[in-house]
Amino acid sequence: MLFGIAGSAFAQQPAQGQAPARPPAMRPPLFFSEPWKRLPAPVDDHGAWPASAEGVSNPNLELKFYGPSGKDLQLVAGLGQGDVTPLNLWTGMTTSPSAAALRDKNNFVDLSGNLAKIRWVVRTSGFHQVRPVLKLADGTWLVGDHVTGPNADFNVSDISISDVRWLKLDIDRVVAVGTWVERPNLSKVDEVGFADLMPGSGHGSGGYANIGRIEVYGKPVKR
């Protein structure tokens, strides 16, 4: 029996000159999931409120708005529509490109692994598309080339971070600047969110984006 155990252990060792076997890839954990929070009675007949930090359901998250009319994003409930229109952030009343991002109060998130991803529920109208945005620990903002939309319905979309190419983002204007950022360091991401690079058209079907639940899959890194 001893010879059998020893032989088995020897068989598990890599052959001379051969690289050791790689450990199996592990999917990163769910870093956060934010479905938004229904507020008291909406302020208009369309079931909308001005978007604010009060619309975040996770007490560990902070919601921030960017762009000249980022303050004009609205939280929409879809009155009387059951689960057809989930709670979402709506860009229809914006008059410029806009963005919103979520920040965990206690942790950065490591999105450097091949399996890190963003998953969100999005509907768009007109020519609008939704793009991922990241704020790195050093203050750099990035916007991705991966787009979600057009979607006539609220559909779940996954964005594999390793598939995305990034441009620097002028966050004050929500405008992409410069050239492609090759191999950005995503090991400490401060904020994760979305950008709509077109102004909204108001109510109706002209053009806007609805962003429902947002999930981020990556490793937490203590601040």
Protein backbone atom coordinates (compact mmCIF):
# COMPACT_ATOMS: atom_id res chain seq x y z
CA MET A 1 0.00 0.00 0.00
CA LEU A 2 2.85 2.38 0.85
CA PHE A 3 4.42 1.82 -2.56
CA GLY A 4 1.01 2.53 -4.17
CA ILE A 5 0.59 5.82 -2.31
CA ALA A 6 4.11 6.93 -3.15
CA GLY A 7 3.60 6.02 -6.80
CA SER A 8 0.35 7.96 -6.92
CA ALA A 9 1.97 11.04 -5.38
CA PHE A 10 4.87 10.80 -7.83
CA ALA A 11 2.45 10.55 -10.76
CA GLN A 12 0.82 13.83 -9.73
CA GLN A 13 4.12 15.73 -9.97
CA PRO A 14 4.77 17.59 -13.26
CA ALA A 15 7.33 16.00 -15.54
CA GLN A 16 10.80 17.50 -15.56
CA GLY A 17 10.83 20.68 -17.66
CA GLN A 18 7.02 20.82 -17.78
CA ALA A 19 5.15 23.78 -16.30
CA PRO A 20 2.92 22.93 -13.35
CA ALA A 21 -0.78 22.65 -14.12
CA ARG A 22 -2.74 25.89 -13.80
CA PRO A 23 -5.32 26.02 -11.02
CA PRO A 24 -8.90 25.98 -12.33
CA ALA A 25 -10.33 29.41 -13.20
CA MET A 26 -12.69 30.71 -10.52
CA ARG A 27 -15.50 33.12 -11.26
CA PRO A 28 -15.27 36.28 -9.18
CA PRO A 29 -17.98 36.82 -6.58
CA LEU A 30 -20.93 39.16 -6.90
CA PHE A 31 -19.51 42.48 -5.71
CA PHE A 32 -22.83 44.28 -5.61
CA SER A 33 -26.35 44.13 -7.02
CA GLU A 34 -28.47 47.29 -7.15
CA PRO A 35 -32.13 47.01 -8.25
CA TRP A 36 -33.03 50.57 -7.07
CA LYS A 37 -35.54 51.44 -4.40
CA ARG A 38 -39.10 52.65 -4.79
CA LEU A 39 -39.56 56.04 -3.14
CA PRO A 40 -42.73 57.60 -1.72
CA ALA A 41 -45.36 58.96 -4.12
CA PRO A 42 -43.80 59.98 -7.47
CA VAL A 43 -43.70 63.63 -8.37
CA ASP A 44 -45.28 63.38 -11.84
CA ASP A 45 -47.93 61.43 -13.74
CA HIS A 46 -45.32 59.21 -15.38
CA GLY A 47 -44.26 57.56 -12.12
CA ALA A 48 -40.92 59.34 -11.88
CA TRP A 49 -38.80 61.04 -9.24
CA PRO A 50 -35.62 63.07 -9.63
CA ALA A 51 -32.86 60.47 -9.27
CA SER A 52 -30.98 60.75 -5.99
CA ALA A 53 -28.96 58.74 -3.50
CA GLU A 54 -32.25 57.91 -1.77
CA GLY A 55 -33.12 55.61 -4.67
CA VAL A 56 -30.29 53.17 -3.79
CA SER A 57 -31.40 50.07 -1.91
CA ASN A 58 -27.94 48.92 -0.79
CA PRO A 59 -26.76 50.99 2.23
CA ASN A 60 -23.11 50.26 1.35
CA LEU A 61 -23.40 52.00 -2.03
CA GLU A 62 -23.26 55.66 -3.04
CA LEU A 63 -24.88 56.86 -6.27
CA LYS A 64 -23.30 59.77 -8.14
CA PHE A 65 -24.37 61.66 -11.28
CA TYR A 66 -22.15 63.25 -13.91
CA GLY A 67 -22.39 65.57 -16.87
CA PRO A 68 -24.01 69.00 -17.27
CA SER A 69 -27.47 67.45 -16.96
CA GLY A 70 -26.68 64.39 -14.87
CA LYS A 71 -28.95 65.93 -12.25
CA ASP A 72 -31.84 65.49 -14.70
CA LEU A 73 -31.80 61.69 -14.60
CA GLN A 74 -34.99 60.29 -13.15
CA LEU A 75 -35.94 57.17 -11.22
CA VAL A 76 -38.95 55.62 -12.96
CA ALA A 77 -41.33 53.07 -11.49
CA GLY A 78 -43.72 52.32 -14.39
CA LEU A 79 -47.04 52.97 -12.68
CA GLY A 80 -49.70 50.33 -13.27
CA GLN A 81 -47.43 48.21 -15.50
CA GLY A 82 -46.62 45.42 -13.06
CA ASP A 83 -43.26 43.85 -13.90
CA VAL A 84 -43.25 45.18 -17.48
CA THR A 85 -41.32 48.27 -16.39
CA PRO A 86 -38.96 47.53 -13.48
CA LEU A 87 -37.49 50.35 -11.42
CA ASN A 88 -34.88 52.08 -13.54
CA LEU A 89 -32.81 55.20 -14.08
CA TRP A 90 -34.09 57.09 -17.13
CA THR A 91 -32.12 59.57 -19.26
CA GLY A 92 -35.06 60.99 -21.17
CA MET A 93 -35.03 64.44 -19.55
CA THR A 94 -31.30 65.07 -19.98
CA THR A 95 -30.12 67.79 -22.36
CA SER A 96 -26.51 66.58 -22.68
CA PRO A 97 -24.52 63.35 -22.35
CA SER A 98 -24.91 61.96 -18.84
CA ALA A 99 -23.54 59.26 -16.58
CA ALA A 100 -24.22 57.67 -13.23
CA ALA A 101 -21.95 55.45 -11.13
CA LEU A 102 -22.08 53.42 -7.93
CA ARG A 103 -19.33 53.42 -5.31
CA ASP A 104 -18.92 50.90 -2.50
CA LYS A 105 -18.09 52.76 0.71
CA ASN A 106 -15.72 50.09 2.05
CA ASN A 107 -14.10 48.43 -0.96
CA PHE A 108 -12.61 48.96 -4.38
CA VAL A 109 -13.41 46.20 -6.86
CA ASP A 110 -10.80 44.23 -8.79
CA LEU A 111 -12.04 43.84 -12.38
CA SER A 112 -8.69 42.69 -13.79
CA GLY A 113 -9.58 39.01 -14.08
CA ASN A 114 -10.76 37.49 -17.35
CA LEU A 115 -14.12 36.56 -15.83
CA ALA A 116 -14.98 39.91 -14.24
CA LYS A 117 -18.16 41.37 -15.66
CA ILE A 118 -21.02 43.82 -15.42
CA ARG A 119 -24.58 42.58 -15.82
CA TRP A 120 -27.45 45.03 -16.25
CA VAL A 121 -31.05 45.26 -17.38
CA VAL A 122 -31.43 47.89 -20.11
CA ARG A 123 -34.03 49.25 -22.51
CA THR A 124 -33.28 51.97 -25.05
CA SER A 125 -35.21 54.09 -27.55
CA GLY A 126 -34.10 55.75 -30.77
CA PHE A 127 -30.35 55.72 -31.36
CA HIS A 128 -29.42 55.60 -27.67
CA GLN A 129 -26.95 53.05 -26.33
CA VAL A 130 -25.56 52.42 -22.86
CA ARG A 131 -21.82 52.11 -22.23
CA PRO A 132 -19.87 51.02 -19.13
CA VAL A 133 -17.85 53.65 -17.27
CA LEU A 134 -15.20 53.09 -14.58
CA LYS A 135 -13.40 55.39 -12.18
CA LEU A 136 -9.99 54.02 -11.22
CA ALA A 137 -8.35 54.46 -7.83
CA ASP A 138 -6.07 57.19 -9.23
CA GLY A 139 -9.05 59.24 -10.39
CA THR A 140 -8.90 58.26 -14.08
CA TRP A 141 -12.27 57.83 -15.79
CA LEU A 142 -12.76 55.33 -18.62
CA VAL A 143 -15.64 54.68 -21.00
CA GLY A 144 -15.94 51.38 -22.87
CA ASP A 145 -16.60 50.53 -26.50
CA HIS A 146 -19.11 47.81 -25.56
CA VAL A 147 -22.67 49.07 -26.04
CA THR A 148 -26.06 47.78 -24.92
CA GLY A 149 -28.94 48.70 -27.17
CA PRO A 150 -31.03 49.27 -29.07
CA ASN A 151 -33.38 47.16 -26.96
CA ALA A 152 -37.16 47.49 -27.32
CA ASP A 153 -37.63 45.64 -24.02
CA PHE A 154 -35.80 45.41 -20.71
CA ASN A 155 -33.19 42.75 -21.50
CA VAL A 156 -30.38 41.34 -19.38
CA SER A 157 -26.94 41.99 -20.89
CA ASP A 158 -23.54 40.77 -19.72
CA ILE A 159 -20.37 42.75 -20.36
CA SER A 160 -17.15 40.77 -20.04
CA ILE A 161 -14.62 43.36 -18.90
CA SER A 162 -11.77 41.60 -20.69
CA ASP A 163 -13.58 42.14 -24.02
CA VAL A 164 -13.90 45.92 -23.58
CA ARG A 165 -11.59 48.58 -25.04
CA TRP A 166 -11.41 51.82 -23.12
CA LEU A 167 -11.07 55.52 -23.85
CA LYS A 168 -10.45 58.20 -21.26
CA LEU A 169 -13.61 60.02 -20.26
CA ASP A 170 -13.93 63.73 -19.49
CA ILE A 171 -16.38 63.14 -16.67
CA ASP A 172 -17.45 66.78 -16.38
CA ARG A 173 -18.74 66.75 -19.96
CA VAL A 174 -19.19 62.94 -20.28
CA VAL A 175 -17.20 63.03 -23.52
CA ALA A 176 -14.57 60.48 -24.61
CA VAL A 177 -11.11 61.99 -25.12
CA GLY A 178 -7.69 60.89 -26.31
CA THR A 179 -6.69 57.55 -27.78
CA TRP A 180 -7.32 53.98 -26.70
CA VAL A 181 -6.03 53.15 -23.22
CA GLU A 182 -4.07 49.93 -23.61
CA ARG A 183 -4.16 47.50 -20.67
CA PRO A 184 -5.49 49.85 -17.99
CA ASN A 185 -4.91 48.75 -14.41
CA LEU A 186 -8.35 47.58 -13.27
CA SER A 187 -7.18 46.01 -10.01
CA LYS A 188 -8.69 48.86 -7.96
CA VAL A 189 -11.84 50.35 -9.46
CA ASP A 190 -13.48 53.05 -7.36
CA GLU A 191 -16.82 53.52 -9.18
CA VAL A 192 -18.76 51.47 -11.74
CA GLY A 193 -21.60 52.82 -13.81
CA PHE A 194 -22.98 53.72 -17.21
CA ALA A 195 -22.96 56.56 -19.71
CA ASP A 196 -25.51 57.67 -22.30
CA LEU A 197 -23.53 59.80 -24.75
CA MET A 198 -26.65 61.42 -26.26
CA PRO A 199 -29.14 63.88 -24.74
CA GLY A 200 -32.64 62.61 -24.11
CA SER A 201 -35.73 63.62 -26.07
CA GLY A 202 -38.20 63.80 -23.18
CA HIS A 203 -41.35 61.70 -22.93
CA GLY A 204 -42.34 59.76 -26.02
CA SER A 205 -40.29 57.44 -28.18
CA GLY A 206 -37.69 59.83 -29.56
CA GLY A 207 -34.63 58.70 -27.64
CA TYR A 208 -33.51 57.74 -24.15
CA ALA A 209 -32.12 54.87 -22.08
CA ASN A 210 -33.61 53.01 -19.12
CA ILE A 211 -31.13 51.28 -16.81
CA GLY A 212 -32.61 48.79 -14.37
CA ARG A 213 -30.74 46.46 -12.03
CA ILE A 214 -26.94 46.68 -12.16
CA GLU A 215 -24.68 43.86 -10.96
CA VAL A 216 -20.89 43.83 -10.79
CA TYR A 217 -18.82 40.65 -10.49
CA GLY A 218 -15.29 41.18 -9.19
CA LYS A 219 -13.09 40.72 -6.15
CA PRO A 220 -13.47 43.22 -3.28
CA VAL A 221 -10.31 45.12 -2.28
CA LYS A 222 -10.34 46.98 1.01
CA ARG A 223 -9.97 50.76 0.77
